[in-house]
Amino acid sequence: MKLVICEGGDALGKNSLIKGLCEHYNYDNVAIRHFGKPPKGMSKPETLAFQFQCFNQEADLYKQIKEVSNTKYKYYEDIVIWNRGPLGEFVYGQMFRKVEASILKSLLDYYEKFTLNCLNDNDIYLITLIADPEFFLSKEDGHSFSKNLEEKTKELSLFLEAHNFSLIKNKKIIKVNNNEKFRSKEEILQEVLLFL
């Protein structure tokens, strides 16, 4: 069983990649989980606590599925895909909730070591989608957190930083654009499948 975590900014192709993975596996024993925005109206500490409580529950669910996936019962998922994950909190927690980077890094470090158990689990994969900042901005649809080139550049930089310090052993950065165009979905999917 594999846990595949797809990270990256809005409109960089996470949904397309996940759809391609599901089609490749014929939607057979594939589960998709999506980390959305936290509820509005919470204080910074409440939001952070809420986010990590959700991450903890998802990690527990992954561990339970993994535990039974090696039994004779094949009803359980072979692949669990997280559309976004804890690393996104490092990015958006800093940019839009003004949480200190050191606090977020400490929480993520603890989470990956002790909750997700990344140091001992070789079945966890991290894929971070990136692009040139100008291309990233050109895909802005008005629904993203960041709205201008400065924010888009910072968002990409923080995703790279989070990717690099992540303790997940199997991790890959994929640049989704070639100058002013998206790389083909098939090309990106094949790169991911070779990685997995």
C-alpha atoms as a PDB file:
ATOM      1  CA  MET A   1       0.000   0.000   0.000  1.00  0.00           C
ATOM      2  CA  LYS A   2       1.178   3.516  -0.796  1.00  0.00           C
ATOM      3  CA  LEU A   3       0.365   6.959   0.515  1.00  0.00           C
ATOM      4  CA  VAL A   4       0.888   9.589  -2.190  1.00  0.00           C
ATOM      5  CA  ILE A   5       0.883  13.205  -1.013  1.00  0.00           C
ATOM      6  CA  CYS A   6       0.375  15.798  -3.768  1.00  0.00           C
ATOM      7  CA  GLU A   7       1.419  19.319  -2.836  1.00  0.00           C
ATOM      8  CA  GLY A   8       1.744  22.596  -4.713  1.00  0.00           C
ATOM      9  CA  GLY A   9      -0.053  25.823  -5.420  1.00  0.00           C
ATOM     10  CA  ASP A  10      -3.574  26.198  -6.780  1.00  0.00           C
ATOM     11  CA  ALA A  11      -4.093  25.569 -10.509  1.00  0.00           C
ATOM     12  CA  LEU A  12      -0.762  23.774 -11.008  1.00  0.00           C
ATOM     13  CA  GLY A  13      -2.382  20.465 -11.902  1.00  0.00           C
ATOM     14  CA  LYS A  14      -2.858  18.478  -8.693  1.00  0.00           C
ATOM     15  CA  ASN A  15      -6.407  17.503  -9.625  1.00  0.00           C
ATOM     16  CA  SER A  16      -5.389  16.528 -13.161  1.00  0.00           C
ATOM     17  CA  LEU A  17      -2.510  14.436 -11.857  1.00  0.00           C
ATOM     18  CA  ILE A  18      -4.731  12.688  -9.308  1.00  0.00           C
ATOM     19  CA  LYS A  19      -7.348  11.997 -11.973  1.00  0.00           C
ATOM     20  CA  GLY A  20      -4.633  10.526 -14.186  1.00  0.00           C
ATOM     21  CA  LEU A  21      -3.424   8.280 -11.361  1.00  0.00           C
ATOM     22  CA  CYS A  22      -6.977   7.091 -10.679  1.00  0.00           C
ATOM     23  CA  GLU A  23      -7.527   6.309 -14.363  1.00  0.00           C
ATOM     24  CA  HIS A  24      -4.187   4.489 -14.544  1.00  0.00           C
ATOM     25  CA  TYR A  25      -5.246   2.282 -11.632  1.00  0.00           C
ATOM     26  CA  ASN A  26      -8.797   1.955 -13.044  1.00  0.00           C
ATOM     27  CA  TYR A  27     -10.151   3.579  -9.863  1.00  0.00           C
ATOM     28  CA  ASP A  28      -9.569   0.194  -8.209  1.00  0.00           C
ATOM     29  CA  ASN A  29      -8.765   0.395  -4.492  1.00  0.00           C
ATOM     30  CA  VAL A  30      -7.742   4.043  -4.705  1.00  0.00           C
ATOM     31  CA  ALA A  31      -8.864   6.502  -2.023  1.00  0.00           C
ATOM     32  CA  ILE A  32      -8.550  10.274  -2.350  1.00  0.00           C
ATOM     33  CA  ARG A  33      -8.529  12.588   0.633  1.00  0.00           C
ATOM     34  CA  HIS A  34      -8.560  16.364   0.274  1.00  0.00           C
ATOM     35  CA  PHE A  35      -7.332  18.898   2.801  1.00  0.00           C
ATOM     36  CA  GLY A  36      -9.349  22.056   2.234  1.00  0.00           C
ATOM     37  CA  LYS A  37      -9.295  25.420   3.931  1.00  0.00           C
ATOM     38  CA  PRO A  38      -9.839  25.481   7.701  1.00  0.00           C
ATOM     39  CA  PRO A  39     -13.154  26.908   8.945  1.00  0.00           C
ATOM     40  CA  LYS A  40     -13.358  30.676   9.162  1.00  0.00           C
ATOM     41  CA  GLY A  41     -13.636  32.606  12.410  1.00  0.00           C
ATOM     42  CA  MET A  42     -10.934  30.789  14.378  1.00  0.00           C
ATOM     43  CA  SER A  43      -7.973  32.447  16.037  1.00  0.00           C
ATOM     44  CA  LYS A  44      -4.469  31.570  14.791  1.00  0.00           C
ATOM     45  CA  PRO A  45      -3.863  29.037  17.604  1.00  0.00           C
ATOM     46  CA  GLU A  46      -7.299  27.474  17.077  1.00  0.00           C
ATOM     47  CA  THR A  47      -6.728  27.185  13.324  1.00  0.00           C
ATOM     48  CA  LEU A  48      -3.334  25.587  13.788  1.00  0.00           C
ATOM     49  CA  ALA A  49      -4.673  23.131  16.361  1.00  0.00           C
ATOM     50  CA  PHE A  50      -7.617  22.304  14.094  1.00  0.00           C
ATOM     51  CA  GLN A  51      -5.361  21.689  11.076  1.00  0.00           C
ATOM     52  CA  PHE A  52      -3.018  19.370  12.919  1.00  0.00           C
ATOM     53  CA  GLN A  53      -5.897  17.507  14.547  1.00  0.00           C
ATOM     54  CA  CYS A  54      -7.178  16.808  11.025  1.00  0.00           C
ATOM     55  CA  PHE A  55      -3.700  15.738   9.888  1.00  0.00           C
ATOM     56  CA  ASN A  56      -3.413  13.431  12.902  1.00  0.00           C
ATOM     57  CA  GLN A  57      -6.748  11.805  12.131  1.00  0.00           C
ATOM     58  CA  GLU A  58      -5.756  11.267   8.491  1.00  0.00           C
ATOM     59  CA  ALA A  59      -2.467   9.702   9.573  1.00  0.00           C
ATOM     60  CA  ASP A  60      -4.354   7.371  11.906  1.00  0.00           C
ATOM     61  CA  LEU A  61      -6.707   6.414   9.076  1.00  0.00           C
ATOM     62  CA  TYR A  62      -3.757   5.711   6.767  1.00  0.00           C
ATOM     63  CA  LYS A  63      -2.130   3.503   9.415  1.00  0.00           C
ATOM     64  CA  GLN A  64      -5.354   1.555   9.984  1.00  0.00           C
ATOM     65  CA  ILE A  65      -5.815   0.936   6.267  1.00  0.00           C
ATOM     66  CA  LYS A  66      -2.174  -0.087   5.901  1.00  0.00           C
ATOM     67  CA  GLU A  67      -2.509  -2.520   8.789  1.00  0.00           C
ATOM     68  CA  VAL A  68      -5.367  -4.395   7.151  1.00  0.00           C
ATOM     69  CA  SER A  69      -4.189  -4.041   3.545  1.00  0.00           C
ATOM     70  CA  ASN A  70      -1.720  -6.911   3.961  1.00  0.00           C
ATOM     71  CA  THR A  71      -4.426  -9.334   5.034  1.00  0.00           C
ATOM     72  CA  LYS A  72      -6.487 -11.621   2.819  1.00  0.00           C
ATOM     73  CA  TYR A  73      -9.186  -8.952   2.627  1.00  0.00           C
ATOM     74  CA  LYS A  74      -8.679  -6.887  -0.519  1.00  0.00           C
ATOM     75  CA  TYR A  75     -11.491  -4.426   0.039  1.00  0.00           C
ATOM     76  CA  TYR A  76      -9.049  -1.877   1.349  1.00  0.00           C
ATOM     77  CA  GLU A  77      -7.145   0.739  -0.590  1.00  0.00           C
ATOM     78  CA  ASP A  78      -3.857  -0.054  -2.329  1.00  0.00           C
ATOM     79  CA  ILE A  79      -3.216   3.641  -2.845  1.00  0.00           C
ATOM     80  CA  VAL A  80      -4.301   6.566  -0.670  1.00  0.00           C
ATOM     81  CA  ILE A  81      -3.837   9.985  -2.264  1.00  0.00           C
ATOM     82  CA  TRP A  82      -3.809  13.181  -0.261  1.00  0.00           C
ATOM     83  CA  ASN A  83      -4.715  16.228  -2.325  1.00  0.00           C
ATOM     84  CA  ARG A  84      -2.672  18.659  -0.268  1.00  0.00           C
ATOM     85  CA  GLY A  85      -1.282  17.740   3.096  1.00  0.00           C
ATOM     86  CA  PRO A  86       0.568  19.054   6.134  1.00  0.00           C
ATOM     87  CA  LEU A  87       3.314  20.754   4.124  1.00  0.00           C
ATOM     88  CA  GLY A  88       0.757  23.177   2.753  1.00  0.00           C
ATOM     89  CA  GLU A  89       0.218  24.436   6.291  1.00  0.00           C
ATOM     90  CA  PHE A  90       3.878  25.505   6.375  1.00  0.00           C
ATOM     91  CA  VAL A  91       3.186  27.664   3.313  1.00  0.00           C
ATOM     92  CA  TYR A  92      -0.270  29.050   4.012  1.00  0.00           C
ATOM     93  CA  GLY A  93       0.157  29.238   7.779  1.00  0.00           C
ATOM     94  CA  GLN A  94       3.029  31.662   7.262  1.00  0.00           C
ATOM     95  CA  MET A  95       1.612  33.626   4.358  1.00  0.00           C
ATOM     96  CA  PHE A  96      -1.986  34.115   5.391  1.00  0.00           C
ATOM     97  CA  ARG A  97      -2.262  33.256   9.082  1.00  0.00           C
ATOM     98  CA  LYS A  98       1.053  34.880  10.063  1.00  0.00           C
ATOM     99  CA  VAL A  99       2.277  31.891  12.092  1.00  0.00           C
ATOM    100  CA  GLU A 100       6.026  31.875  12.686  1.00  0.00           C
ATOM    101  CA  ALA A 101       8.011  29.577  10.409  1.00  0.00           C
ATOM    102  CA  SER A 102       9.870  28.018  13.347  1.00  0.00           C
ATOM    103  CA  ILE A 103       6.600  26.960  15.007  1.00  0.00           C
ATOM    104  CA  LEU A 104       5.267  25.406  11.809  1.00  0.00           C
ATOM    105  CA  LYS A 105       8.541  23.639  11.058  1.00  0.00           C
ATOM    106  CA  SER A 106       8.646  22.220  14.575  1.00  0.00           C
ATOM    107  CA  LEU A 107       5.064  20.954  14.301  1.00  0.00           C
ATOM    108  CA  LEU A 108       5.716  19.391  10.892  1.00  0.00           C
ATOM    109  CA  ASP A 109       8.928  17.795  12.082  1.00  0.00           C
ATOM    110  CA  TYR A 110       7.129  16.215  15.033  1.00  0.00           C
ATOM    111  CA  TYR A 111       4.198  15.183  12.839  1.00  0.00           C
ATOM    112  CA  GLU A 112       6.378  13.473  10.233  1.00  0.00           C
ATOM    113  CA  LYS A 113       8.576  11.740  12.799  1.00  0.00           C
ATOM    114  CA  PHE A 114       6.044  10.528  15.297  1.00  0.00           C
ATOM    115  CA  THR A 115       2.560  10.701  13.813  1.00  0.00           C
ATOM    116  CA  LEU A 116       3.142   9.778  10.190  1.00  0.00           C
ATOM    117  CA  ASN A 117       6.273   7.781  11.101  1.00  0.00           C
ATOM    118  CA  CYS A 118       8.082   8.846   7.911  1.00  0.00           C
ATOM    119  CA  LEU A 119      11.467   7.654   9.105  1.00  0.00           C
ATOM    120  CA  ASN A 120      10.290   4.037   9.181  1.00  0.00           C
ATOM    121  CA  ASP A 121       7.680   3.993   6.421  1.00  0.00           C
ATOM    122  CA  ASN A 122       8.998   3.512   2.887  1.00  0.00           C
ATOM    123  CA  ASP A 123       5.505   3.555   1.367  1.00  0.00           C
ATOM    124  CA  ILE A 124       4.968   7.315   1.664  1.00  0.00           C
ATOM    125  CA  TYR A 125       5.586   9.450  -1.422  1.00  0.00           C
ATOM    126  CA  LEU A 126       5.655  13.238  -1.696  1.00  0.00           C
ATOM    127  CA  ILE A 127       5.095  14.963  -5.033  1.00  0.00           C
ATOM    128  CA  THR A 128       5.411  18.749  -5.102  1.00  0.00           C
ATOM    129  CA  LEU A 129       4.255  20.553  -8.234  1.00  0.00           C
ATOM    130  CA  ILE A 130       6.006  23.826  -9.020  1.00  0.00           C
ATOM    131  CA  ALA A 131       6.208  26.278 -11.926  1.00  0.00           C
ATOM    132  CA  ASP A 132       7.851  29.532 -12.904  1.00  0.00           C
ATOM    133  CA  PRO A 133       6.282  32.363 -10.854  1.00  0.00           C
ATOM    134  CA  GLU A 134       5.038  34.211 -13.957  1.00  0.00           C
ATOM    135  CA  PHE A 135       3.377  31.061 -15.264  1.00  0.00           C
ATOM    136  CA  PHE A 136       1.872  30.401 -11.828  1.00  0.00           C
ATOM    137  CA  LEU A 137       0.421  33.922 -11.804  1.00  0.00           C
ATOM    138  CA  SER A 138      -1.008  33.478 -15.320  1.00  0.00           C
ATOM    139  CA  LYS A 139      -3.146  30.598 -14.006  1.00  0.00           C
ATOM    140  CA  GLU A 140      -4.693  32.711 -11.239  1.00  0.00           C
ATOM    141  CA  ASP A 141      -8.483  32.351 -11.336  1.00  0.00           C
ATOM    142  CA  GLY A 142      -9.343  34.630  -8.428  1.00  0.00           C
ATOM    143  CA  HIS A 143      -9.901  31.749  -5.995  1.00  0.00           C
ATOM    144  CA  SER A 144      -6.320  31.271  -4.829  1.00  0.00           C
ATOM    145  CA  PHE A 145      -4.735  32.569  -1.658  1.00  0.00           C
ATOM    146  CA  SER A 146      -1.996  34.504  -3.422  1.00  0.00           C
ATOM    147  CA  LYS A 147      -2.987  37.104  -6.000  1.00  0.00           C
ATOM    148  CA  ASN A 148       0.157  38.835  -7.304  1.00  0.00           C
ATOM    149  CA  LEU A 149       3.637  37.937  -8.534  1.00  0.00           C
ATOM    150  CA  GLU A 150       5.309  38.653  -5.198  1.00  0.00           C
ATOM    151  CA  GLU A 151       2.906  36.364  -3.332  1.00  0.00           C
ATOM    152  CA  LYS A 152       3.091  33.669  -6.012  1.00  0.00           C
ATOM    153  CA  THR A 153       6.904  33.743  -5.873  1.00  0.00           C
ATOM    154  CA  LYS A 154       6.872  33.457  -2.082  1.00  0.00           C
ATOM    155  CA  GLU A 155       4.325  30.614  -2.189  1.00  0.00           C
ATOM    156  CA  LEU A 156       6.490  28.610  -4.609  1.00  0.00           C
ATOM    157  CA  SER A 157       9.596  29.306  -2.531  1.00  0.00           C
ATOM    158  CA  LEU A 158       7.893  28.096   0.654  1.00  0.00           C
ATOM    159  CA  PHE A 159       6.635  24.918  -1.034  1.00  0.00           C
ATOM    160  CA  LEU A 160      10.206  24.177  -2.138  1.00  0.00           C
ATOM    161  CA  GLU A 161      11.497  24.880   1.368  1.00  0.00           C
ATOM    162  CA  ALA A 162       8.880  22.589   2.905  1.00  0.00           C
ATOM    163  CA  HIS A 163       9.600  19.871   0.345  1.00  0.00           C
ATOM    164  CA  ASN A 164      13.333  20.034   1.048  1.00  0.00           C
ATOM    165  CA  PHE A 165      13.097  19.792   4.828  1.00  0.00           C
ATOM    166  CA  SER A 166      10.393  17.099   4.749  1.00  0.00           C
ATOM    167  CA  LEU A 167      11.527  13.810   6.280  1.00  0.00           C
ATOM    168  CA  ILE A 168       9.638  11.776   3.671  1.00  0.00           C
ATOM    169  CA  LYS A 169      12.248   9.596   1.962  1.00  0.00           C
ATOM    170  CA  ASN A 170      10.519   9.267  -1.405  1.00  0.00           C
ATOM    171  CA  LYS A 171       9.992  12.774  -2.676  1.00  0.00           C
ATOM    172  CA  LYS A 172       9.991  14.424  -6.075  1.00  0.00           C
ATOM    173  CA  ILE A 173       9.645  17.969  -7.364  1.00  0.00           C
ATOM    174  CA  ILE A 174       7.905  18.241 -10.727  1.00  0.00           C
ATOM    175  CA  LYS A 175       7.966  21.424 -12.753  1.00  0.00           C
ATOM    176  CA  VAL A 176       4.668  21.555 -14.615  1.00  0.00           C
ATOM    177  CA  ASN A 177       5.383  24.242 -17.189  1.00  0.00           C
ATOM    178  CA  ASN A 178       7.670  24.579 -20.161  1.00  0.00           C
ATOM    179  CA  ASN A 179       7.957  28.328 -20.729  1.00  0.00           C
ATOM    180  CA  GLU A 180       4.399  29.646 -21.182  1.00  0.00           C
ATOM    181  CA  LYS A 181       2.626  26.294 -21.534  1.00  0.00           C
ATOM    182  CA  PHE A 182       1.762  23.368 -19.310  1.00  0.00           C
ATOM    183  CA  ARG A 183       3.730  20.222 -19.986  1.00  0.00           C
ATOM    184  CA  SER A 184       1.387  17.505 -21.256  1.00  0.00           C
ATOM    185  CA  LYS A 185      -0.659  15.702 -18.613  1.00  0.00           C
ATOM    186  CA  GLU A 186       0.537  12.375 -20.010  1.00  0.00           C
ATOM    187  CA  GLU A 187       4.193  13.371 -19.679  1.00  0.00           C
ATOM    188  CA  ILE A 188       3.752  14.468 -16.070  1.00  0.00           C
ATOM    189  CA  LEU A 189       1.742  11.336 -15.252  1.00  0.00           C
ATOM    190  CA  GLN A 190       4.432   9.075 -16.711  1.00  0.00           C
ATOM    191  CA  GLU A 191       7.091  10.892 -14.650  1.00  0.00           C
ATOM    192  CA  VAL A 192       5.032  10.278 -11.511  1.00  0.00           C
ATOM    193  CA  LEU A 193       4.346   6.623 -12.348  1.00  0.00           C
ATOM    194  CA  LEU A 194       8.068   5.991 -12.833  1.00  0.00           C
ATOM    195  CA  PHE A 195       8.676   7.599  -9.453  1.00  0.00           C
ATOM    196  CA  LEU A 196       6.032   5.486  -7.712  1.00  0.00           C
END
